[in-house]
């Protein structure tokens, strides 16, 4: 998993509330177990018409937001089913940070496991960031995980809270497998000792 330390990028506004995981990645695309390749279908039913053509007024189809790395979203982002394909699609598109007033619990947890930083802020601060993100390509924000601060395109600084353990994992690029591999020496020592004491196992 890629480390998340400091991100400076374009922020895209998506003020819709209750964006569920089926809107993020429709169920028809859940056949794969690969984390890559899903970005093209992120928000598929909002991005494309029935013939597969891009819907020009959808935010991520607009030229100024095609390379967005930050998403400023409405309330209760990631609700619905617990599919891990949702953060896979977001990360594969290139979005590394989602900011909202609230997230569904399972989606929130899955973000950290896939290198995405979900940030919860009060409504007035989300509204301010939403307005800032509407500046298009000029809406470049900086998200500094180490200092736990967001800096707007106008230079205003907004602090945010994050669980210390989850922060450690993101800063060091550790998913569940990475955390396990940190204990490789202890695991191998335990297995060697167990094999000696219980050779019949």
N, C-alpha and C. Protein backbone atom coordinates (compact mmCIF):
# COMPACT_ATOMS: atom_id res chain seq x y z
N UNK A 1 0.84 -1.19 0.00
CA UNK A 1 0.00 0.00 0.00
C UNK A 1 0.88 1.25 0.00
N UNK A 2 0.55 2.22 -0.83
CA UNK A 2 1.31 3.46 -0.89
C UNK A 2 1.18 4.25 0.41
N UNK A 3 2.26 4.89 0.81
CA UNK A 3 2.23 5.73 1.99
C UNK A 3 1.41 6.99 1.71
N UNK A 4 0.73 7.47 2.73
CA UNK A 4 0.04 8.76 2.66
C UNK A 4 0.69 9.67 3.68
N UNK A 5 1.36 10.72 3.19
CA UNK A 5 2.02 11.65 4.10
C UNK A 5 1.51 13.07 3.88
N UNK A 6 1.78 13.63 2.72
CA UNK A 6 1.27 14.95 2.38
C UNK A 6 0.76 14.92 0.95
N UNK A 7 -0.47 15.36 0.76
CA UNK A 7 -1.10 15.36 -0.56
C UNK A 7 -1.43 16.79 -0.96
N UNK A 8 -0.97 17.18 -2.13
CA UNK A 8 -1.30 18.50 -2.68
C UNK A 8 -1.95 18.26 -4.04
N UNK A 9 -3.25 18.52 -4.13
CA UNK A 9 -3.92 18.21 -5.37
C UNK A 9 -5.24 18.94 -5.54
N UNK A 10 -5.87 18.68 -6.68
CA UNK A 10 -7.15 19.28 -7.01
C UNK A 10 -8.25 18.61 -6.21
N UNK A 11 -9.16 19.41 -5.67
CA UNK A 11 -10.31 18.90 -4.93
C UNK A 11 -11.56 19.06 -5.78
N UNK A 12 -12.35 17.99 -5.85
CA UNK A 12 -13.59 18.01 -6.63
C UNK A 12 -14.79 18.06 -5.69
N UNK A 13 -15.78 18.91 -5.99
CA UNK A 13 -16.96 19.00 -5.13
C UNK A 13 -18.03 17.98 -5.53
N UNK A 14 -18.55 17.24 -4.55
CA UNK A 14 -19.65 16.30 -4.80
C UNK A 14 -20.62 16.42 -3.63
N UNK A 15 -21.48 17.44 -3.65
CA UNK A 15 -22.33 17.74 -2.50
C UNK A 15 -23.51 16.80 -2.27
N UNK A 16 -23.69 15.79 -3.10
CA UNK A 16 -24.79 14.84 -2.90
C UNK A 16 -24.68 14.15 -1.56
N UNK A 17 -25.81 13.95 -0.89
CA UNK A 17 -25.81 13.23 0.38
C UNK A 17 -26.17 11.77 0.13
N UNK A 18 -25.77 10.91 1.06
CA UNK A 18 -26.09 9.47 1.01
C UNK A 18 -25.58 8.80 -0.26
N UNK A 19 -24.38 9.14 -0.69
CA UNK A 19 -23.79 8.44 -1.83
C UNK A 19 -23.40 7.04 -1.34
N UNK A 20 -24.12 6.03 -1.84
CA UNK A 20 -23.87 4.68 -1.34
C UNK A 20 -22.85 3.94 -2.20
N UNK A 21 -22.46 2.75 -1.73
CA UNK A 21 -21.39 2.03 -2.42
C UNK A 21 -21.82 1.54 -3.80
N UNK A 22 -23.11 1.39 -4.04
CA UNK A 22 -23.57 0.99 -5.37
C UNK A 22 -23.45 2.15 -6.35
N UNK A 23 -23.57 3.37 -5.86
CA UNK A 23 -23.34 4.54 -6.70
C UNK A 23 -21.84 4.70 -6.96
N UNK A 24 -21.03 4.37 -5.96
CA UNK A 24 -19.58 4.48 -6.12
C UNK A 24 -19.07 3.47 -7.14
N UNK A 25 -19.49 2.21 -7.02
CA UNK A 25 -19.13 1.17 -8.00
C UNK A 25 -20.31 0.20 -8.11
N UNK A 26 -21.09 0.29 -9.17
CA UNK A 26 -22.27 -0.58 -9.33
C UNK A 26 -21.94 -2.07 -9.25
N UNK A 27 -22.93 -2.84 -8.80
CA UNK A 27 -22.71 -4.27 -8.53
C UNK A 27 -22.26 -5.06 -9.74
N UNK A 28 -22.55 -4.59 -10.94
CA UNK A 28 -22.14 -5.32 -12.15
C UNK A 28 -20.63 -5.43 -12.26
N UNK A 29 -19.90 -4.56 -11.56
CA UNK A 29 -18.44 -4.55 -11.66
C UNK A 29 -17.77 -5.28 -10.48
N UNK A 30 -18.53 -6.03 -9.71
CA UNK A 30 -17.98 -6.68 -8.53
C UNK A 30 -17.44 -8.08 -8.79
N UNK A 31 -17.34 -8.46 -10.05
CA UNK A 31 -16.89 -9.82 -10.37
C UNK A 31 -15.39 -10.01 -10.17
N UNK A 32 -14.65 -8.92 -10.23
CA UNK A 32 -13.19 -9.01 -10.11
C UNK A 32 -12.75 -9.01 -8.65
N UNK A 33 -11.62 -9.64 -8.39
CA UNK A 33 -11.01 -9.57 -7.05
C UNK A 33 -9.71 -8.76 -7.10
N UNK A 34 -9.48 -8.12 -8.25
CA UNK A 34 -8.30 -7.26 -8.40
C UNK A 34 -8.63 -5.85 -7.94
N UNK A 35 -7.66 -5.20 -7.33
CA UNK A 35 -7.86 -3.84 -6.86
C UNK A 35 -7.68 -2.81 -7.97
N UNK A 36 -7.09 -3.23 -9.07
CA UNK A 36 -6.83 -2.29 -10.17
C UNK A 36 -7.88 -2.44 -11.27
N UNK A 37 -8.05 -1.37 -12.04
CA UNK A 37 -8.94 -1.41 -13.19
C UNK A 37 -10.36 -0.94 -12.93
N UNK A 38 -10.69 -0.63 -11.68
CA UNK A 38 -12.06 -0.23 -11.35
C UNK A 38 -12.28 1.28 -11.44
N UNK A 39 -11.19 2.04 -11.53
CA UNK A 39 -11.31 3.49 -11.56
C UNK A 39 -12.14 4.01 -12.72
N UNK A 40 -12.06 3.33 -13.85
CA UNK A 40 -12.80 3.77 -15.03
C UNK A 40 -14.31 3.66 -14.82
N UNK A 41 -14.72 2.81 -13.87
CA UNK A 41 -16.14 2.62 -13.59
C UNK A 41 -16.60 3.29 -12.30
N UNK A 42 -15.72 4.10 -11.69
CA UNK A 42 -16.10 4.85 -10.51
C UNK A 42 -17.29 5.76 -10.84
N UNK A 43 -18.33 5.71 -10.03
CA UNK A 43 -19.55 6.50 -10.24
C UNK A 43 -20.13 6.26 -11.64
N UNK A 44 -20.03 5.01 -12.10
CA UNK A 44 -20.35 4.67 -13.49
C UNK A 44 -21.71 5.19 -13.96
N UNK A 45 -22.74 5.00 -13.16
CA UNK A 45 -24.08 5.37 -13.60
C UNK A 45 -24.30 6.88 -13.60
N UNK A 46 -23.42 7.62 -12.95
CA UNK A 46 -23.50 9.08 -12.99
C UNK A 46 -22.54 9.65 -14.04
N UNK A 47 -21.49 8.90 -14.37
CA UNK A 47 -20.48 9.39 -15.31
C UNK A 47 -20.83 9.13 -16.77
N UNK A 48 -21.60 8.05 -17.02
CA UNK A 48 -21.87 7.64 -18.40
C UNK A 48 -23.36 7.47 -18.66
N UNK A 49 -23.75 7.72 -19.92
CA UNK A 49 -25.13 7.44 -20.29
C UNK A 49 -25.26 5.97 -20.67
N UNK A 50 -26.42 5.54 -21.11
CA UNK A 50 -26.67 4.12 -21.38
C UNK A 50 -25.88 3.60 -22.58
N UNK A 51 -25.36 4.52 -23.39
CA UNK A 51 -24.54 4.12 -24.53
C UNK A 51 -23.05 4.13 -24.20
N UNK A 52 -22.74 4.45 -22.97
CA UNK A 52 -21.34 4.47 -22.55
C UNK A 52 -20.63 5.78 -22.80
N UNK A 53 -21.38 6.80 -23.22
CA UNK A 53 -20.77 8.11 -23.46
C UNK A 53 -20.70 8.91 -22.16
N UNK A 54 -19.66 9.70 -22.00
CA UNK A 54 -19.52 10.51 -20.81
C UNK A 54 -20.63 11.55 -20.71
N UNK A 55 -21.13 11.74 -19.50
CA UNK A 55 -22.09 12.80 -19.22
C UNK A 55 -21.27 14.04 -18.86
N UNK A 56 -21.31 15.03 -19.71
CA UNK A 56 -20.36 16.15 -19.62
C UNK A 56 -20.47 16.97 -18.35
N UNK A 57 -21.67 17.03 -17.74
CA UNK A 57 -21.79 17.89 -16.56
C UNK A 57 -21.53 17.16 -15.25
N UNK A 58 -21.15 15.86 -15.33
CA UNK A 58 -20.75 15.17 -14.10
C UNK A 58 -19.38 15.67 -13.70
N UNK A 59 -19.18 15.93 -12.42
CA UNK A 59 -18.00 16.67 -11.96
C UNK A 59 -16.68 16.04 -12.41
N UNK A 60 -16.53 14.72 -12.31
CA UNK A 60 -15.25 14.11 -12.65
C UNK A 60 -15.02 13.99 -14.15
N UNK A 61 -16.03 14.32 -14.95
CA UNK A 61 -15.86 14.36 -16.40
C UNK A 61 -15.46 15.75 -16.89
N UNK A 62 -15.54 16.73 -16.02
CA UNK A 62 -15.16 18.08 -16.41
C UNK A 62 -13.63 18.17 -16.46
N UNK A 63 -13.09 18.83 -17.49
CA UNK A 63 -11.63 18.87 -17.67
C UNK A 63 -10.87 19.29 -16.42
N UNK A 64 -11.41 20.23 -15.66
CA UNK A 64 -10.69 20.75 -14.50
C UNK A 64 -10.64 19.77 -13.33
N UNK A 65 -11.46 18.71 -13.39
CA UNK A 65 -11.50 17.77 -12.26
C UNK A 65 -11.08 16.35 -12.63
N UNK A 66 -10.65 16.13 -13.84
CA UNK A 66 -10.28 14.77 -14.26
C UNK A 66 -9.11 14.20 -13.47
N UNK A 67 -8.28 15.07 -12.95
CA UNK A 67 -7.13 14.62 -12.18
C UNK A 67 -7.29 14.89 -10.69
N UNK A 68 -8.53 14.99 -10.24
CA UNK A 68 -8.79 15.27 -8.83
C UNK A 68 -8.23 14.15 -7.94
N UNK A 69 -7.62 14.55 -6.84
CA UNK A 69 -7.09 13.59 -5.86
C UNK A 69 -7.79 13.70 -4.51
N UNK A 70 -8.64 14.72 -4.39
CA UNK A 70 -9.40 14.95 -3.16
C UNK A 70 -10.86 15.10 -3.54
N UNK A 71 -11.75 14.49 -2.75
CA UNK A 71 -13.18 14.59 -2.99
C UNK A 71 -13.83 15.21 -1.77
N UNK A 72 -14.57 16.30 -1.97
CA UNK A 72 -15.32 16.92 -0.88
C UNK A 72 -16.77 16.51 -1.09
N UNK A 73 -17.30 15.71 -0.17
CA UNK A 73 -18.58 15.04 -0.39
C UNK A 73 -19.64 15.45 0.62
N UNK A 74 -20.90 15.09 0.29
CA UNK A 74 -22.03 15.34 1.19
C UNK A 74 -22.07 14.34 2.33
N UNK A 75 -23.09 14.49 3.17
CA UNK A 75 -23.22 13.67 4.37
C UNK A 75 -23.34 12.18 4.05
N UNK A 76 -22.89 11.35 4.99
CA UNK A 76 -23.11 9.90 4.97
C UNK A 76 -22.53 9.25 3.72
N UNK A 77 -21.30 9.60 3.40
CA UNK A 77 -20.65 9.06 2.21
C UNK A 77 -20.28 7.59 2.44
N UNK A 78 -20.52 6.75 1.43
CA UNK A 78 -20.15 5.34 1.50
C UNK A 78 -21.13 4.45 2.22
N UNK A 79 -22.38 4.88 2.33
CA UNK A 79 -23.38 4.06 2.99
C UNK A 79 -23.78 2.90 2.07
N UNK A 80 -24.69 2.05 2.52
CA UNK A 80 -25.11 0.91 1.71
C UNK A 80 -24.31 -0.34 2.06
N UNK A 81 -24.12 -1.20 1.08
CA UNK A 81 -23.43 -2.47 1.32
C UNK A 81 -21.96 -2.24 1.62
N UNK A 82 -21.31 -3.25 2.18
CA UNK A 82 -19.95 -3.09 2.69
C UNK A 82 -18.87 -3.43 1.67
N UNK A 83 -19.18 -3.43 0.39
CA UNK A 83 -18.23 -3.86 -0.64
C UNK A 83 -16.90 -3.09 -0.60
N UNK A 84 -15.81 -3.84 -0.55
CA UNK A 84 -14.49 -3.22 -0.53
C UNK A 84 -14.11 -2.68 -1.91
N UNK A 85 -14.86 -3.08 -2.94
CA UNK A 85 -14.61 -2.57 -4.28
C UNK A 85 -14.79 -1.05 -4.34
N UNK A 86 -15.58 -0.49 -3.42
CA UNK A 86 -15.81 0.96 -3.44
C UNK A 86 -14.52 1.74 -3.20
N UNK A 87 -13.79 1.49 -2.11
CA UNK A 87 -12.51 2.19 -1.98
C UNK A 87 -11.49 1.77 -3.03
N UNK A 88 -11.57 0.53 -3.53
CA UNK A 88 -10.67 0.12 -4.62
C UNK A 88 -10.86 1.04 -5.82
N UNK A 89 -12.13 1.29 -6.18
CA UNK A 89 -12.44 2.12 -7.35
C UNK A 89 -11.99 3.56 -7.14
N UNK A 90 -12.21 4.07 -5.94
CA UNK A 90 -11.81 5.44 -5.62
C UNK A 90 -10.29 5.59 -5.72
N UNK A 91 -9.58 4.65 -5.13
CA UNK A 91 -8.11 4.70 -5.16
C UNK A 91 -7.58 4.52 -6.57
N UNK A 92 -8.19 3.63 -7.34
CA UNK A 92 -7.71 3.37 -8.70
C UNK A 92 -7.93 4.58 -9.60
N UNK A 93 -8.97 5.35 -9.33
CA UNK A 93 -9.20 6.59 -10.09
C UNK A 93 -8.11 7.61 -9.79
N UNK A 94 -7.57 7.56 -8.56
CA UNK A 94 -6.53 8.49 -8.18
C UNK A 94 -6.88 9.38 -7.00
N UNK A 95 -8.06 9.17 -6.41
CA UNK A 95 -8.49 9.95 -5.26
C UNK A 95 -7.88 9.33 -4.00
N UNK A 96 -7.16 10.14 -3.23
CA UNK A 96 -6.48 9.65 -2.03
C UNK A 96 -7.10 10.17 -0.74
N UNK A 97 -8.02 11.11 -0.85
CA UNK A 97 -8.62 11.71 0.34
C UNK A 97 -10.08 12.07 0.07
N UNK A 98 -10.97 11.70 1.00
CA UNK A 98 -12.38 12.08 0.90
C UNK A 98 -12.74 12.83 2.17
N UNK A 99 -13.38 13.98 2.01
CA UNK A 99 -13.75 14.83 3.14
C UNK A 99 -15.27 14.93 3.20
N UNK A 100 -15.84 14.70 4.37
CA UNK A 100 -17.29 14.77 4.54
C UNK A 100 -17.62 15.05 6.00
N UNK A 101 -18.89 15.28 6.26
CA UNK A 101 -19.34 15.43 7.65
C UNK A 101 -19.49 14.08 8.32
N UNK A 102 -19.70 13.01 7.50
CA UNK A 102 -19.92 11.68 8.07
C UNK A 102 -19.73 10.61 7.00
N UNK A 103 -19.33 9.43 7.47
CA UNK A 103 -19.13 8.27 6.60
C UNK A 103 -19.82 7.06 7.20
N UNK A 104 -20.17 6.11 6.34
CA UNK A 104 -20.62 4.81 6.84
C UNK A 104 -19.43 4.11 7.47
N UNK A 105 -19.66 3.42 8.60
CA UNK A 105 -18.56 2.87 9.39
C UNK A 105 -17.66 1.92 8.62
N UNK A 106 -18.25 0.96 7.90
CA UNK A 106 -17.43 -0.05 7.21
C UNK A 106 -16.64 0.59 6.09
N UNK A 107 -17.27 1.46 5.33
CA UNK A 107 -16.56 2.17 4.26
C UNK A 107 -15.40 2.98 4.84
N UNK A 108 -15.66 3.67 5.94
CA UNK A 108 -14.64 4.48 6.60
C UNK A 108 -13.42 3.64 6.95
N UNK A 109 -13.67 2.47 7.53
CA UNK A 109 -12.58 1.57 7.90
C UNK A 109 -11.85 1.03 6.68
N UNK A 110 -12.60 0.68 5.64
CA UNK A 110 -11.99 0.14 4.41
C UNK A 110 -11.10 1.16 3.72
N UNK A 111 -11.42 2.43 3.85
CA UNK A 111 -10.58 3.47 3.23
C UNK A 111 -9.15 3.39 3.76
N UNK A 112 -9.01 3.33 5.07
CA UNK A 112 -7.68 3.29 5.67
C UNK A 112 -6.90 2.06 5.22
N UNK A 113 -7.61 0.96 5.00
CA UNK A 113 -6.94 -0.28 4.59
C UNK A 113 -6.52 -0.26 3.12
N UNK A 114 -6.96 0.78 2.40
CA UNK A 114 -6.65 0.87 0.98
C UNK A 114 -5.94 2.18 0.62
N UNK A 115 -5.31 2.81 1.60
CA UNK A 115 -4.49 3.98 1.33
C UNK A 115 -5.24 5.28 1.12
N UNK A 116 -6.51 5.31 1.52
CA UNK A 116 -7.34 6.52 1.37
C UNK A 116 -7.56 7.14 2.74
N UNK A 117 -7.42 8.45 2.85
CA UNK A 117 -7.65 9.15 4.10
C UNK A 117 -9.05 9.76 4.10
N UNK A 118 -9.98 9.22 4.90
CA UNK A 118 -11.29 9.84 5.05
C UNK A 118 -11.25 10.83 6.22
N UNK A 119 -11.68 12.04 5.99
CA UNK A 119 -11.62 13.08 7.02
C UNK A 119 -13.03 13.55 7.36
N UNK A 120 -13.34 13.53 8.64
CA UNK A 120 -14.64 14.01 9.13
C UNK A 120 -14.46 15.41 9.71
N UNK A 121 -15.28 16.34 9.22
CA UNK A 121 -15.23 17.73 9.69
C UNK A 121 -16.63 18.25 9.96
N UNK A 122 -16.76 19.28 10.77
CA UNK A 122 -18.08 19.90 10.98
C UNK A 122 -18.62 20.47 9.67
N UNK A 123 -19.94 20.62 9.61
CA UNK A 123 -20.58 21.05 8.37
C UNK A 123 -20.05 22.39 7.87
N UNK A 124 -19.82 23.36 8.76
CA UNK A 124 -19.39 24.67 8.28
C UNK A 124 -18.03 24.59 7.59
N UNK A 125 -17.16 23.71 8.09
CA UNK A 125 -15.85 23.56 7.46
C UNK A 125 -15.94 22.79 6.15
N UNK A 126 -16.79 21.78 6.10
CA UNK A 126 -17.01 21.06 4.84
C UNK A 126 -17.61 22.01 3.80
N UNK A 127 -18.56 22.84 4.21
CA UNK A 127 -19.15 23.81 3.30
C UNK A 127 -18.09 24.76 2.75
N UNK A 128 -17.17 25.19 3.59
CA UNK A 128 -16.09 26.08 3.16
C UNK A 128 -15.20 25.38 2.14
N UNK A 129 -14.85 24.12 2.41
CA UNK A 129 -14.01 23.37 1.49
C UNK A 129 -14.76 23.06 0.19
N UNK A 130 -16.07 22.84 0.31
CA UNK A 130 -16.88 22.60 -0.89
C UNK A 130 -16.83 23.83 -1.79
N UNK A 131 -16.98 25.00 -1.20
CA UNK A 131 -16.93 26.25 -1.97
C UNK A 131 -15.55 26.43 -2.59
N UNK A 132 -14.51 26.10 -1.83
CA UNK A 132 -13.15 26.22 -2.34
C UNK A 132 -12.92 25.27 -3.52
N UNK A 133 -13.49 24.09 -3.42
CA UNK A 133 -13.29 23.09 -4.49
C UNK A 133 -14.01 23.46 -5.77
N UNK A 134 -14.99 24.34 -5.69
CA UNK A 134 -15.73 24.77 -6.88
C UNK A 134 -14.93 25.73 -7.75
N UNK A 135 -13.72 26.03 -7.35
CA UNK A 135 -12.86 26.91 -8.15
C UNK A 135 -12.21 26.17 -9.32
N UNK A 136 -12.49 24.90 -9.47
CA UNK A 136 -11.95 24.14 -10.59
C UNK A 136 -10.50 23.80 -10.40
N UNK A 137 -9.72 23.95 -11.48
CA UNK A 137 -8.30 23.58 -11.44
C UNK A 137 -7.50 24.42 -10.44
N UNK A 138 -8.07 25.56 -10.03
CA UNK A 138 -7.40 26.40 -9.03
C UNK A 138 -7.68 25.92 -7.61
N UNK A 139 -8.54 24.91 -7.49
CA UNK A 139 -8.92 24.41 -6.17
C UNK A 139 -7.92 23.38 -5.68
N UNK A 140 -6.71 23.80 -5.50
CA UNK A 140 -5.65 22.90 -5.02
C UNK A 140 -5.52 23.04 -3.51
N UNK A 141 -5.74 21.94 -2.84
CA UNK A 141 -5.63 21.90 -1.39
C UNK A 141 -4.44 21.04 -1.00
N UNK A 142 -3.96 21.24 0.21
CA UNK A 142 -2.91 20.39 0.76
C UNK A 142 -3.45 19.69 1.99
N UNK A 143 -3.30 18.37 2.00
CA UNK A 143 -3.70 17.57 3.16
C UNK A 143 -2.43 16.99 3.75
N UNK A 144 -2.09 17.45 4.94
CA UNK A 144 -0.87 17.00 5.63
C UNK A 144 -1.28 16.08 6.77
N UNK A 145 -1.04 14.78 6.60
CA UNK A 145 -1.45 13.82 7.61
C UNK A 145 -0.60 13.93 8.86
N UNK A 146 0.68 14.16 8.69
CA UNK A 146 1.57 14.25 9.85
C UNK A 146 1.12 15.35 10.80
N UNK A 147 0.84 16.53 10.26
CA UNK A 147 0.42 17.66 11.10
C UNK A 147 -1.09 17.71 11.30
N UNK A 148 -1.81 16.83 10.59
CA UNK A 148 -3.27 16.76 10.65
C UNK A 148 -3.91 18.12 10.33
N UNK A 149 -3.55 18.63 9.15
CA UNK A 149 -4.06 19.93 8.71
C UNK A 149 -4.41 19.91 7.23
N UNK A 150 -5.48 20.60 6.89
CA UNK A 150 -5.85 20.86 5.50
C UNK A 150 -5.60 22.34 5.23
N UNK A 151 -4.91 22.64 4.15
CA UNK A 151 -4.69 24.03 3.76
C UNK A 151 -5.45 24.29 2.47
N UNK A 152 -6.34 25.26 2.49
CA UNK A 152 -7.16 25.57 1.33
C UNK A 152 -6.34 26.30 0.27
N UNK A 153 -6.94 26.50 -0.90
CA UNK A 153 -6.25 27.21 -1.97
C UNK A 153 -5.97 28.66 -1.59
N UNK A 154 -6.72 29.19 -0.59
CA UNK A 154 -6.50 30.56 -0.12
C UNK A 154 -5.55 30.61 1.07
N UNK A 155 -5.03 29.46 1.49
CA UNK A 155 -4.07 29.45 2.58
C UNK A 155 -4.67 29.29 3.96
N UNK A 156 -5.98 29.09 4.04
CA UNK A 156 -6.60 28.88 5.36
C UNK A 156 -6.33 27.46 5.83
N UNK A 157 -6.01 27.31 7.10
CA UNK A 157 -5.64 26.01 7.66
C UNK A 157 -6.76 25.46 8.53
N UNK A 158 -7.12 24.21 8.27
CA UNK A 158 -8.17 23.54 9.03
C UNK A 158 -7.58 22.28 9.66
N UNK A 159 -7.59 22.17 10.97
CA UNK A 159 -7.08 20.94 11.62
C UNK A 159 -8.14 19.83 11.55
N UNK A 160 -7.69 18.59 11.58
CA UNK A 160 -8.63 17.47 11.60
C UNK A 160 -8.11 16.39 12.54
N UNK A 161 -9.03 15.55 13.00
CA UNK A 161 -8.69 14.46 13.91
C UNK A 161 -8.58 13.15 13.13
N UNK A 162 -7.70 12.28 13.60
CA UNK A 162 -7.57 10.95 13.00
C UNK A 162 -7.07 10.00 14.07
N UNK A 163 -7.58 8.78 14.05
CA UNK A 163 -7.15 7.77 15.01
C UNK A 163 -5.64 7.55 14.90
N UNK A 164 -4.91 7.58 16.02
CA UNK A 164 -3.45 7.46 15.98
C UNK A 164 -2.95 6.18 15.29
N UNK A 165 -3.61 5.07 15.54
CA UNK A 165 -3.18 3.82 14.91
C UNK A 165 -3.40 3.85 13.40
N UNK A 166 -4.56 4.35 12.98
CA UNK A 166 -4.85 4.44 11.55
C UNK A 166 -3.90 5.44 10.87
N UNK A 167 -3.57 6.50 11.59
CA UNK A 167 -2.60 7.47 11.08
C UNK A 167 -1.25 6.80 10.86
N UNK A 168 -0.81 6.02 11.84
CA UNK A 168 0.46 5.29 11.73
C UNK A 168 0.47 4.38 10.51
N UNK A 169 -0.63 3.68 10.30
CA UNK A 169 -0.71 2.75 9.16
C UNK A 169 -0.62 3.49 7.83
N UNK A 170 -1.34 4.60 7.70
CA UNK A 170 -1.30 5.36 6.45
C UNK A 170 0.09 5.97 6.21
N UNK A 171 0.65 6.58 7.24
CA UNK A 171 1.96 7.21 7.09
C UNK A 171 3.02 6.22 6.64
N UNK A 172 2.87 4.96 7.07
CA UNK A 172 3.87 3.94 6.77
C UNK A 172 3.44 2.96 5.69
N UNK A 173 2.28 3.21 5.08
CA UNK A 173 1.81 2.35 3.99
C UNK A 173 1.51 0.92 4.43
N UNK A 174 0.91 0.78 5.61
CA UNK A 174 0.67 -0.55 6.16
C UNK A 174 -0.81 -0.92 6.10
N UNK A 175 -1.13 -1.92 5.26
CA UNK A 175 -2.46 -2.51 5.31
C UNK A 175 -2.40 -3.70 6.26
N UNK A 176 -3.45 -4.54 6.30
CA UNK A 176 -3.46 -5.67 7.23
C UNK A 176 -2.31 -6.63 6.98
N UNK A 177 -1.99 -6.84 5.71
CA UNK A 177 -0.87 -7.74 5.39
C UNK A 177 0.45 -7.13 5.82
N UNK A 178 0.60 -5.83 5.57
CA UNK A 178 1.82 -5.14 5.97
C UNK A 178 2.03 -5.17 7.47
N UNK A 179 0.94 -5.00 8.23
CA UNK A 179 1.03 -5.06 9.68
C UNK A 179 1.47 -6.45 10.14
N UNK A 180 0.94 -7.47 9.47
CA UNK A 180 1.32 -8.85 9.81
C UNK A 180 2.79 -9.10 9.51
N UNK A 181 3.25 -8.58 8.36
CA UNK A 181 4.63 -8.82 7.96
C UNK A 181 5.62 -8.11 8.89
N UNK A 182 5.18 -7.06 9.58
CA UNK A 182 6.04 -6.42 10.57
C UNK A 182 6.39 -7.39 11.70
N UNK A 183 5.54 -8.37 11.90
CA UNK A 183 5.75 -9.37 12.96
C UNK A 183 6.36 -10.66 12.41
N UNK A 184 6.93 -10.60 11.22
CA UNK A 184 7.44 -11.81 10.57
C UNK A 184 8.44 -12.57 11.46
N UNK A 185 9.36 -11.85 12.06
CA UNK A 185 10.36 -12.50 12.90
C UNK A 185 9.73 -13.24 14.06
N UNK A 186 8.78 -12.60 14.73
CA UNK A 186 8.10 -13.23 15.86
C UNK A 186 7.29 -14.44 15.42
N UNK A 187 6.65 -14.33 14.25
CA UNK A 187 5.85 -15.44 13.74
C UNK A 187 6.73 -16.64 13.42
N UNK A 188 7.85 -16.36 12.75
CA UNK A 188 8.76 -17.46 12.40
C UNK A 188 9.34 -18.11 13.65
N UNK A 189 9.66 -17.29 14.65
CA UNK A 189 10.19 -17.83 15.91
C UNK A 189 9.16 -18.70 16.60
N UNK A 190 7.92 -18.25 16.61
CA UNK A 190 6.84 -19.03 17.23
C UNK A 190 6.64 -20.37 16.51
N UNK A 191 6.64 -20.31 15.17
CA UNK A 191 6.42 -21.53 14.39
C UNK A 191 7.56 -22.52 14.60
N UNK A 192 8.80 -22.03 14.67
CA UNK A 192 9.95 -22.91 14.89
C UNK A 192 9.87 -23.56 16.27
N UNK A 193 9.50 -22.75 17.25
CA UNK A 193 9.36 -23.27 18.61
C UNK A 193 8.23 -24.29 18.71
N UNK A 194 7.12 -23.98 18.04
CA UNK A 194 5.96 -24.88 18.07
C UNK A 194 6.31 -26.21 17.38
N UNK A 195 7.09 -26.14 16.29
CA UNK A 195 7.47 -27.36 15.57
C UNK A 195 8.37 -28.25 16.43
N UNK A 196 9.18 -27.61 17.27
CA UNK A 196 10.06 -28.38 18.16
C UNK A 196 9.27 -29.04 19.29
N UNK A 197 8.34 -28.29 19.87
CA UNK A 197 7.58 -28.77 21.01
C UNK A 197 6.45 -29.73 20.60
N UNK A 198 5.92 -29.53 19.39
CA UNK A 198 4.81 -30.38 18.94
C UNK A 198 5.09 -30.86 17.52
N UNK A 199 6.06 -31.73 17.33
CA UNK A 199 6.43 -32.18 15.99
C UNK A 199 5.34 -32.97 15.27
N UNK A 200 4.37 -33.42 16.02
CA UNK A 200 3.28 -34.20 15.41
C UNK A 200 2.21 -33.33 14.75
N UNK A 201 2.27 -32.02 14.99
CA UNK A 201 1.25 -31.13 14.44
C UNK A 201 1.52 -30.88 12.96
